[in-house]
Amino acid sequence: MAADLQAKYQKLAQEYSKLRAQNQVLKKAVVDEQGHGTSLKEELQMKDQSVRKLQQEMDSLTFRNQQLAKRVALLQEELVTTEAKVKKSKQKGADSPAQMNQQRQSVFDEDLQNKIEENERLHKQVKSHSLEREAKDCRLRAEECQQQLKNVHADLSRRLDQSTNIIQEKLPFNDTRLAEYYTLDVPIHDRRHQLKARDVSGQAVAFCQDLVGALLNFHTYTEQRIQIYPIDSATDVISPLNQKFSEYLHENASYVRPLEEGMLHLFESITEESVTTLETVVKLKPFSEVFTSYVCFLKKILPYQLKSLEEEYEHSLCTVNLQARNMELQSDMQKVTAIFEKLQVYISLLALPSTNPEMLLQTNYNVVFTQLAACLHSLHDVMKDISKHYSQKVSLEQEQPTITQKLKTTNDCILSSIVALSNVTGKICTFFSNNLDFFTAPSMYSSKKGMGVIDPLSAECMLENKKKAAAYIKSLKKSCPESVPYDEALANRKAILSSTESREGLSQQVQQSQEKITKLEQEKEHWMLEAQLAKIKLEKENQRINDLENQYRLTHSGQMPSIDSAQANGSNSTIEDLDCVEKDSKEPVRSTSLVGMLSTYMNDNEIPDEESREHLIKSHYMMRVADLTSQLQIADSKSVHFHAECRALAKRLALAERSREMLSEELKVANHNIVRLQDELTTTKRSYEDQLSMMSDHLCSMNETLSKQREEIDSLRMGTKGNAKKNRSR
């Protein structure tokens, strides 16, 4: 059974590890989708704003159009009236057409001037009415604010007096006067901040792992490329420069791997119970150191990288376009190294508060984080340029006839690592920009009075105080045990005293008591037998007295025979008397005791034997009684022992029931997690299958293109061979 459980547990652990690894992939996909969703939301907001703006413009144009329509209608009416006047004037033989136009223009100008003045007057009225309403509202709000200010002032004055009295009477020591003392106070624990910091650091670990993998691939495949191009080390000796460059690149893992380890240590130091600020994150300093060592590695290999690219475009097969791409890559590599230097500077600045807080003021935290985000964006841009330029370079190199399959494969691997670097740097800069508000938000611990600068040692002491305070509060929250009745407490005390710890002492006391009881029982039996014997003797004496009284009555009822007559009568009477006496003396004597009734015949001169028999019977039964009492003692001790064991087993059974309930709850949670992880596994499998199908389609298309290229190459080779044969025949 245990082996099956162990096997099931191992299988479950393996499944959990697989699901955990797949969960990281899903988290990355979720983060990407969240970023895409935020960008879509921003675009949607911009579209909504533009739609609202266009709607407002359309409303204003509609209103203006209505005004113009009304204006046109008025002008048409005026035109009709003027035309009627003109006709009347024509009939009267009045002015010429020029005068009529002047009159018409003057009428229009006058009308326009009147409308402008009317519009201005109406506009002033509207402004004045609105200003009057606003002034009235402002006066009302000012009066309300004045009243609220008076109430608040009175309340604050009362609270100030109360606080002053309490401080003067109750507060013996004010630790807010000195910042060194105030930093040791336990601050309010912001659980949301800690959970957010934990989540952000976990995402940073995942991005750092992806970045480390991409950098390792890039450096390793770069080393492989310089071993085969422009000179293949398998056929010829490469240049000393490339040889030294290859040696340096071979050491890349010792500089890149510590980045992942440092970020993991930083993630492990941020827990839900800790206080996370730049002053308390002491694991940021080791990460800054390993990042500095990697930047030094980049600066060391940069000259060799530039010279290696120069050797490539000095090669005889290097074209002008390929030389231009190499020059662009040289510029890109210089930019990458410069950006990594900037990142190293900002990360070192962020690591200063945990070691030397005076070197970086809190007012400069926002600037450092903002510049760090800008550097990450610049790194992403440079990586995109490198990806574009290197893809162009690879396409130009593949057009060369002397390119080998090994170089093609290496170029594809380098290009894939560069694309991975571009993707991961894009994710990192997006992640940092999305969480920039969280990074630059003022900490609630440092925003309190007196906590402008938290010393790392003070922060550690403060965390210890926080743990002690949490333990104290937890101890206060423990529920008091229920009270036990007095009788039950006495019974429990007896049970405890009769437990296994005091079993030996109790057994000795019981044994001594049993021995005393057996002795007393023996003495009781002895005295009871003595009483029976005394009673028997009393009965015998009473019987003898009765016999003597009877004989005395007989003798006094008749005449006493004289001696002479007795002698004269001869020996016959004497024999008869003896026979009678003998008969009287041999009457049965009955004795009763605890054993039973005993009948015996006894003469006067005989010694009774019932005493010896009673003694034997008594000794036999006393031995039986002693055996029974010893068995009774053993049975009592065993019963006490079993009673204690039963109580212990009952307690263990209760504990086992509690543990069973807890384990059942844990099993339910584990089953729920298993179901959730299975769902995630199915989704991950589905996504992987889709990706694999896409990749298989892409590989099929690539294989088709390769087969076409090979056919073309074979046809060209056959054509060149045919041309060579024709030339030879000529």
Foldseek 3Di string as FASTA:
>chain_A
DVVVVVVVVVVVVVLVVVLVVLVLVVVVVVLVVVLVVVVVVVVVVVVVVVVVVVVVVVVVVVVVVVVVVVVVVVVVVVVVVLVVVVVVCVVVVDDDVVVSVVVVVVVVVVVVVVVVVVVVVVVVVVVVVVVVVVVVVVVVVVVVVVVVVVVVVVVVVVVVVVVVVCCVPPPPDDQLVALLSVLLAQDDQDLVLLVVVLVLLVVVLSLLVLLLVLVLLQLVLVLVLQCPPPHPVVVDNHDPLNVVLSVLSVCLCVLSVVLSVLSVVLSVVRDSLADDDLQQSLSLVSNLVSLVVNLVSLVVNLVSLLVSLVVRCVDPPRDPLLNVLSVLVNVLSVVLSVLSVLLSVLSNQSNCLNPPVVVDFLVCQLVSLVVNLVSLVVNLVSLVVNLVSLVVNLVVVVPDPPDDPSSNVSSVSNSVSSVSNNVSSVSVSSSSVVCSCSRSPDDPSCVDRSNRGNHNVSSVSSSVVSVVVVVVVVVVPDDDDDDDDPVVVVVVVVLVCCEPVNVVVVLVVLVVVLVVVLVVVLVVLVVQVVVLVVVLVVVVVVVVVVVVVVVVVVPVVDDDDDPVVVVVVPCPVVVVVVVVVVVVQQDWRWGQGPVGIDIHGDHPVDDDDVVVVVVVVSVVVSVVVSVVSVVVSVVVSVVSHVVSVVVVVVVVVVVVVVVVVVVVVVVVVVVVVVVVSVVSVVVSVVVVVVVVVVVVVVVVVVVVVVVVVVVVVVVVVVVVVVVVVVVVVD
